[in-house]
Amino acid sequence: MSPVGTELLTQVLSGAVIFFIVAYIGNRISFSNRFVNALVTGLVFALFYGALAYTLDKSSVMPPELRQASQKAWLQLITMSAALVFVIDLVANMLSFSSRIMNALMAAVLFAVLFAFLIYATGVPTTST
């Protein structure tokens, strides 16, 4: 596998692990209803992502273009991401609602497949030049 392909695979797997953790936390907080479970998972993700964006915004890790983004742009990005997490978790809840672990695992697998497909569909190069 090329170095670029390895990097993309690493990103997909790291995102899936983070999604699993967020989905599991959402499942621990609310496991009574599929919709409420997905809603709580989306809110937990929004809190984590918002805290991460705020922390990175105050550091010098991000490129200057992103540091200059307005708070409104960050809020829109966090809202869209949380909505996507909600939809993915709701679909995962429809596929598997047997246990908290299986629910979170199904959400992470669904996320990984969707993320990998989007990388492939958008034409991100997977071979080094």
N, C-alpha and C. Protein backbone atom coordinates (compact mmCIF):
# COMPACT_ATOMS: atom_id res chain seq x y z
N MET A 1 0.85 -1.17 0.00
CA MET A 1 0.00 0.00 0.00
C MET A 1 0.90 1.24 0.00
N SER A 2 0.50 2.22 -0.75
CA SER A 2 1.30 3.45 -0.84
C SER A 2 1.21 4.24 0.46
N PRO A 3 2.15 5.16 0.68
CA PRO A 3 2.10 5.99 1.89
C PRO A 3 0.82 6.83 1.97
N VAL A 4 0.35 7.32 0.83
CA VAL A 4 -0.89 8.12 0.84
C VAL A 4 -2.08 7.23 1.20
N GLY A 5 -2.12 6.03 0.64
CA GLY A 5 -3.20 5.10 0.97
C GLY A 5 -3.19 4.71 2.43
N THR A 6 -1.99 4.51 2.97
CA THR A 6 -1.85 4.19 4.39
C THR A 6 -2.34 5.35 5.25
N GLU A 7 -2.01 6.57 4.87
CA GLU A 7 -2.45 7.75 5.61
C GLU A 7 -3.97 7.88 5.57
N LEU A 8 -4.58 7.66 4.41
CA LEU A 8 -6.04 7.73 4.30
C LEU A 8 -6.70 6.64 5.14
N LEU A 9 -6.14 5.44 5.11
CA LEU A 9 -6.69 4.36 5.93
C LEU A 9 -6.57 4.69 7.41
N THR A 10 -5.46 5.28 7.79
CA THR A 10 -5.28 5.69 9.18
C THR A 10 -6.32 6.72 9.59
N GLN A 11 -6.60 7.67 8.71
CA GLN A 11 -7.61 8.69 9.01
C GLN A 11 -8.99 8.08 9.15
N VAL A 12 -9.34 7.15 8.25
CA VAL A 12 -10.65 6.50 8.32
C VAL A 12 -10.78 5.71 9.62
N LEU A 13 -9.76 4.95 9.96
CA LEU A 13 -9.82 4.13 11.18
C LEU A 13 -9.82 4.98 12.44
N SER A 14 -9.01 6.07 12.45
CA SER A 14 -9.03 6.95 13.64
C SER A 14 -10.39 7.62 13.79
N GLY A 15 -10.97 8.06 12.68
CA GLY A 15 -12.30 8.66 12.75
C GLY A 15 -13.33 7.67 13.24
N ALA A 16 -13.22 6.41 12.81
CA ALA A 16 -14.16 5.38 13.26
C ALA A 16 -14.01 5.11 14.76
N VAL A 17 -12.78 5.11 15.25
CA VAL A 17 -12.56 4.89 16.69
C VAL A 17 -13.16 6.05 17.49
N ILE A 18 -12.94 7.27 17.04
CA ILE A 18 -13.52 8.43 17.73
C ILE A 18 -15.04 8.36 17.67
N PHE A 19 -15.58 7.99 16.51
CA PHE A 19 -17.03 7.87 16.38
C PHE A 19 -17.56 6.79 17.30
N PHE A 20 -16.84 5.66 17.43
CA PHE A 20 -17.26 4.59 18.34
C PHE A 20 -17.34 5.10 19.77
N ILE A 21 -16.32 5.84 20.19
CA ILE A 21 -16.30 6.36 21.57
C ILE A 21 -17.47 7.31 21.80
N VAL A 22 -17.71 8.21 20.85
CA VAL A 22 -18.82 9.16 20.99
C VAL A 22 -20.15 8.42 20.99
N ALA A 23 -20.30 7.45 20.10
CA ALA A 23 -21.55 6.68 20.04
C ALA A 23 -21.76 5.88 21.32
N TYR A 24 -20.70 5.33 21.87
CA TYR A 24 -20.83 4.57 23.11
C TYR A 24 -21.24 5.48 24.26
N ILE A 25 -20.65 6.67 24.33
CA ILE A 25 -21.04 7.62 25.37
C ILE A 25 -22.51 8.00 25.21
N GLY A 26 -22.91 8.26 23.97
CA GLY A 26 -24.33 8.56 23.72
C GLY A 26 -25.23 7.41 24.11
N ASN A 27 -24.79 6.17 23.86
CA ASN A 27 -25.57 4.99 24.25
C ASN A 27 -25.64 4.83 25.76
N ARG A 28 -24.57 5.16 26.47
CA ARG A 28 -24.57 5.07 27.92
C ARG A 28 -25.51 6.09 28.54
N ILE A 29 -25.57 7.27 27.93
CA ILE A 29 -26.43 8.33 28.48
C ILE A 29 -27.89 8.02 28.22
N SER A 30 -28.21 7.59 27.01
CA SER A 30 -29.61 7.37 26.65
C SER A 30 -29.72 6.15 25.75
N PHE A 31 -30.31 5.08 26.28
CA PHE A 31 -30.47 3.86 25.49
C PHE A 31 -31.93 3.42 25.48
N SER A 32 -32.83 4.35 25.73
CA SER A 32 -34.23 3.97 25.83
C SER A 32 -34.96 4.02 24.50
N ASN A 33 -34.53 4.88 23.61
CA ASN A 33 -35.24 5.14 22.38
C ASN A 33 -34.21 5.38 21.28
N ARG A 34 -34.44 4.85 20.09
CA ARG A 34 -33.48 5.00 18.99
C ARG A 34 -33.27 6.45 18.61
N PHE A 35 -34.35 7.20 18.50
CA PHE A 35 -34.25 8.60 18.10
C PHE A 35 -33.52 9.42 19.16
N VAL A 36 -33.92 9.25 20.42
CA VAL A 36 -33.28 9.99 21.52
C VAL A 36 -31.81 9.60 21.63
N ASN A 37 -31.52 8.32 21.44
CA ASN A 37 -30.14 7.86 21.48
C ASN A 37 -29.31 8.57 20.41
N ALA A 38 -29.81 8.62 19.19
CA ALA A 38 -29.09 9.29 18.10
C ALA A 38 -28.96 10.79 18.37
N LEU A 39 -30.01 11.38 18.93
CA LEU A 39 -29.97 12.81 19.26
C LEU A 39 -28.91 13.10 20.32
N VAL A 40 -28.87 12.28 21.35
CA VAL A 40 -27.87 12.46 22.41
C VAL A 40 -26.46 12.27 21.84
N THR A 41 -26.29 11.28 20.99
CA THR A 41 -24.97 11.05 20.37
C THR A 41 -24.55 12.26 19.54
N GLY A 42 -25.48 12.83 18.79
CA GLY A 42 -25.19 14.03 18.01
C GLY A 42 -24.80 15.20 18.89
N LEU A 43 -25.50 15.36 20.02
CA LEU A 43 -25.18 16.46 20.94
C LEU A 43 -23.83 16.25 21.62
N VAL A 44 -23.54 15.00 22.01
CA VAL A 44 -22.23 14.71 22.62
C VAL A 44 -21.12 15.01 21.62
N PHE A 45 -21.33 14.60 20.36
CA PHE A 45 -20.34 14.89 19.33
C PHE A 45 -20.16 16.39 19.14
N ALA A 46 -21.27 17.14 19.13
CA ALA A 46 -21.18 18.59 18.96
C ALA A 46 -20.39 19.23 20.10
N LEU A 47 -20.58 18.75 21.31
CA LEU A 47 -19.83 19.28 22.45
C LEU A 47 -18.34 18.98 22.32
N PHE A 48 -18.01 17.72 21.98
CA PHE A 48 -16.60 17.36 21.82
C PHE A 48 -15.96 18.11 20.66
N TYR A 49 -16.66 18.16 19.54
CA TYR A 49 -16.12 18.82 18.35
C TYR A 49 -15.98 20.32 18.59
N GLY A 50 -16.96 20.91 19.26
CA GLY A 50 -16.88 22.33 19.57
C GLY A 50 -15.72 22.64 20.49
N ALA A 51 -15.51 21.80 21.50
CA ALA A 51 -14.39 22.00 22.41
C ALA A 51 -13.06 21.84 21.68
N LEU A 52 -12.99 20.84 20.80
CA LEU A 52 -11.78 20.62 20.03
C LEU A 52 -11.51 21.80 19.08
N ALA A 53 -12.55 22.27 18.40
CA ALA A 53 -12.38 23.39 17.48
C ALA A 53 -11.96 24.65 18.23
N TYR A 54 -12.54 24.87 19.41
CA TYR A 54 -12.17 26.04 20.21
C TYR A 54 -10.72 25.94 20.67
N THR A 55 -10.32 24.75 21.11
CA THR A 55 -8.95 24.55 21.57
C THR A 55 -7.95 24.74 20.44
N LEU A 56 -8.24 24.13 19.28
CA LEU A 56 -7.33 24.26 18.14
C LEU A 56 -7.32 25.68 17.59
N ASP A 57 -8.44 26.38 17.70
CA ASP A 57 -8.53 27.75 17.21
C ASP A 57 -7.59 28.65 18.00
N LYS A 58 -7.39 28.35 19.27
CA LYS A 58 -6.53 29.16 20.12
C LYS A 58 -5.06 28.77 20.01
N SER A 59 -4.78 27.66 19.34
CA SER A 59 -3.39 27.21 19.20
C SER A 59 -2.85 27.58 17.82
N SER A 60 -1.62 27.28 17.59
CA SER A 60 -1.01 27.58 16.29
C SER A 60 -0.94 26.34 15.40
N VAL A 61 -1.71 25.30 15.73
CA VAL A 61 -1.68 24.05 14.98
C VAL A 61 -2.37 24.21 13.62
N MET A 62 -3.43 24.97 13.59
CA MET A 62 -4.23 25.10 12.37
C MET A 62 -3.59 26.07 11.38
N PRO A 63 -3.87 25.85 10.10
CA PRO A 63 -3.38 26.79 9.09
C PRO A 63 -4.03 28.17 9.28
N PRO A 64 -3.35 29.24 8.84
CA PRO A 64 -3.89 30.59 9.05
C PRO A 64 -5.27 30.81 8.45
N GLU A 65 -5.56 30.15 7.31
CA GLU A 65 -6.88 30.34 6.69
C GLU A 65 -8.00 29.85 7.61
N LEU A 66 -7.76 28.74 8.27
CA LEU A 66 -8.79 28.21 9.17
C LEU A 66 -8.87 29.01 10.47
N ARG A 67 -7.75 29.51 10.94
CA ARG A 67 -7.78 30.32 12.15
C ARG A 67 -8.56 31.60 11.96
N GLN A 68 -8.62 32.08 10.71
CA GLN A 68 -9.33 33.33 10.43
C GLN A 68 -10.82 33.11 10.18
N ALA A 69 -11.25 31.86 10.18
CA ALA A 69 -12.67 31.58 9.97
C ALA A 69 -13.50 32.19 11.10
N SER A 70 -14.64 32.70 10.75
CA SER A 70 -15.48 33.34 11.75
C SER A 70 -16.12 32.30 12.66
N GLN A 71 -16.62 32.79 13.79
CA GLN A 71 -17.30 31.89 14.72
C GLN A 71 -18.56 31.32 14.08
N LYS A 72 -19.20 32.10 13.22
CA LYS A 72 -20.40 31.62 12.54
C LYS A 72 -20.05 30.44 11.63
N ALA A 73 -18.92 30.50 10.94
CA ALA A 73 -18.51 29.40 10.08
C ALA A 73 -18.22 28.15 10.91
N TRP A 74 -17.55 28.32 12.06
CA TRP A 74 -17.28 27.18 12.94
C TRP A 74 -18.58 26.58 13.45
N LEU A 75 -19.52 27.43 13.83
CA LEU A 75 -20.80 26.95 14.34
C LEU A 75 -21.55 26.17 13.26
N GLN A 76 -21.51 26.66 12.02
CA GLN A 76 -22.16 25.95 10.92
C GLN A 76 -21.50 24.59 10.69
N LEU A 77 -20.17 24.55 10.73
CA LEU A 77 -19.45 23.30 10.53
C LEU A 77 -19.77 22.30 11.64
N ILE A 78 -19.81 22.77 12.87
CA ILE A 78 -20.14 21.89 13.99
C ILE A 78 -21.57 21.39 13.89
N THR A 79 -22.49 22.26 13.51
CA THR A 79 -23.90 21.88 13.37
C THR A 79 -24.08 20.85 12.26
N MET A 80 -23.44 21.08 11.12
CA MET A 80 -23.56 20.11 10.02
C MET A 80 -22.95 18.77 10.41
N SER A 81 -21.83 18.79 11.09
CA SER A 81 -21.18 17.55 11.51
C SER A 81 -22.04 16.79 12.52
N ALA A 82 -22.61 17.52 13.47
CA ALA A 82 -23.47 16.89 14.47
C ALA A 82 -24.72 16.30 13.82
N ALA A 83 -25.25 16.97 12.81
CA ALA A 83 -26.41 16.44 12.09
C ALA A 83 -26.04 15.15 11.35
N LEU A 84 -24.86 15.13 10.76
CA LEU A 84 -24.39 13.92 10.07
C LEU A 84 -24.20 12.77 11.07
N VAL A 85 -23.63 13.07 12.22
CA VAL A 85 -23.46 12.06 13.27
C VAL A 85 -24.83 11.54 13.71
N PHE A 86 -25.80 12.44 13.87
CA PHE A 86 -27.16 12.05 14.25
C PHE A 86 -27.74 11.07 13.23
N VAL A 87 -27.63 11.40 11.95
CA VAL A 87 -28.20 10.55 10.90
C VAL A 87 -27.50 9.19 10.87
N ILE A 88 -26.17 9.19 10.92
CA ILE A 88 -25.43 7.93 10.90
C ILE A 88 -25.80 7.07 12.11
N ASP A 89 -25.90 7.68 13.29
CA ASP A 89 -26.23 6.91 14.49
C ASP A 89 -27.67 6.41 14.44
N LEU A 90 -28.58 7.20 13.88
CA LEU A 90 -29.97 6.77 13.77
C LEU A 90 -30.08 5.58 12.83
N VAL A 91 -29.37 5.62 11.70
CA VAL A 91 -29.37 4.48 10.78
C VAL A 91 -28.75 3.26 11.46
N ALA A 92 -27.65 3.46 12.17
CA ALA A 92 -27.01 2.35 12.89
C ALA A 92 -27.95 1.78 13.94
N ASN A 93 -28.71 2.65 14.61
CA ASN A 93 -29.69 2.18 15.60
C ASN A 93 -30.78 1.34 14.95
N MET A 94 -31.15 1.69 13.73
CA MET A 94 -32.17 0.91 13.02
C MET A 94 -31.62 -0.47 12.61
N LEU A 95 -30.33 -0.53 12.33
CA LEU A 95 -29.72 -1.80 11.91
C LEU A 95 -29.42 -2.72 13.09
N SER A 96 -29.00 -2.13 14.20
CA SER A 96 -28.64 -2.95 15.37
C SER A 96 -28.93 -2.17 16.63
N PHE A 97 -29.87 -2.66 17.42
CA PHE A 97 -30.22 -1.98 18.68
C PHE A 97 -30.25 -3.01 19.79
N SER A 98 -29.32 -3.97 19.74
CA SER A 98 -29.34 -5.06 20.70
C SER A 98 -28.57 -4.74 21.98
N SER A 99 -27.44 -4.05 21.85
CA SER A 99 -26.67 -3.69 23.03
C SER A 99 -25.94 -2.38 22.77
N ARG A 100 -25.45 -1.79 23.83
CA ARG A 100 -24.75 -0.51 23.70
C ARG A 100 -23.48 -0.64 22.87
N ILE A 101 -22.73 -1.70 23.12
CA ILE A 101 -21.47 -1.92 22.39
C ILE A 101 -21.76 -2.19 20.92
N MET A 102 -22.69 -3.08 20.62
CA MET A 102 -23.01 -3.41 19.23
C MET A 102 -23.57 -2.19 18.50
N ASN A 103 -24.34 -1.40 19.20
CA ASN A 103 -24.89 -0.18 18.62
C ASN A 103 -23.78 0.79 18.24
N ALA A 104 -22.85 1.00 19.16
CA ALA A 104 -21.73 1.91 18.89
C ALA A 104 -20.82 1.35 17.81
N LEU A 105 -20.62 0.03 17.82
CA LEU A 105 -19.78 -0.60 16.81
C LEU A 105 -20.42 -0.48 15.43
N MET A 106 -21.72 -0.68 15.33
CA MET A 106 -22.42 -0.54 14.05
C MET A 106 -22.31 0.90 13.55
N ALA A 107 -22.44 1.87 14.44
CA ALA A 107 -22.32 3.28 14.04
C ALA A 107 -20.91 3.57 13.53
N ALA A 108 -19.89 3.03 14.20
CA ALA A 108 -18.50 3.26 13.78
C ALA A 108 -18.23 2.61 12.43
N VAL A 109 -18.73 1.40 12.23
CA VAL A 109 -18.53 0.72 10.95
C VAL A 109 -19.24 1.47 9.83
N LEU A 110 -20.45 1.90 10.08
CA LEU A 110 -21.20 2.68 9.09
C LEU A 110 -20.46 3.97 8.76
N PHE A 111 -19.92 4.64 9.77
CA PHE A 111 -19.14 5.85 9.55
C PHE A 111 -17.91 5.55 8.70
N ALA A 112 -17.18 4.49 9.03
CA ALA A 112 -15.96 4.15 8.31
C ALA A 112 -16.26 3.86 6.84
N VAL A 113 -17.32 3.11 6.58
CA VAL A 113 -17.69 2.80 5.20
C VAL A 113 -18.07 4.08 4.45
N LEU A 114 -18.88 4.92 5.07
CA LEU A 114 -19.30 6.16 4.42
C LEU A 114 -18.12 7.09 4.18
N PHE A 115 -17.25 7.22 5.16
CA PHE A 115 -16.08 8.09 5.05
C PHE A 115 -15.14 7.59 3.95
N ALA A 116 -14.90 6.28 3.93
CA ALA A 116 -14.03 5.70 2.89
C ALA A 116 -14.64 5.88 1.51
N PHE A 117 -15.95 5.70 1.40
CA PHE A 117 -16.63 5.90 0.12
C PHE A 117 -16.51 7.35 -0.34
N LEU A 118 -16.69 8.29 0.58
CA LEU A 118 -16.59 9.71 0.21
C LEU A 118 -15.17 10.06 -0.23
N ILE A 119 -14.17 9.48 0.42
CA ILE A 119 -12.79 9.71 0.00
C ILE A 119 -12.58 9.16 -1.41
N TYR A 120 -13.11 7.97 -1.66
CA TYR A 120 -12.97 7.35 -2.97
C TYR A 120 -13.75 8.13 -4.03
N ALA A 121 -14.98 8.54 -3.71
CA ALA A 121 -15.85 9.21 -4.67
C ALA A 121 -15.37 10.62 -5.02
N THR A 122 -14.73 11.29 -4.09
CA THR A 122 -14.25 12.63 -4.37
C THR A 122 -12.93 12.64 -5.09
N GLY A 123 -12.34 11.47 -5.29
CA GLY A 123 -11.13 11.38 -6.08
C GLY A 123 -9.86 11.75 -5.34
N VAL A 124 -9.85 11.60 -4.02
CA VAL A 124 -8.63 11.86 -3.27
C VAL A 124 -7.59 10.84 -3.74
N PRO A 125 -6.41 11.29 -4.13
CA PRO A 125 -5.43 10.34 -4.66
C PRO A 125 -4.99 9.33 -3.59
N THR A 126 -4.93 8.06 -4.01
CA THR A 126 -4.53 7.02 -3.09
C THR A 126 -3.18 6.43 -3.45
N THR A 127 -2.51 7.03 -4.43
CA THR A 127 -1.16 6.59 -4.77
C THR A 127 -0.23 7.80 -4.75
N SER A 128 0.96 7.57 -4.31
CA SER A 128 1.92 8.69 -4.27
C SER A 128 2.45 8.96 -5.66
N THR A 129 2.76 10.22 -5.92
CA THR A 129 3.28 10.59 -7.24
C THR A 129 4.74 10.97 -7.15
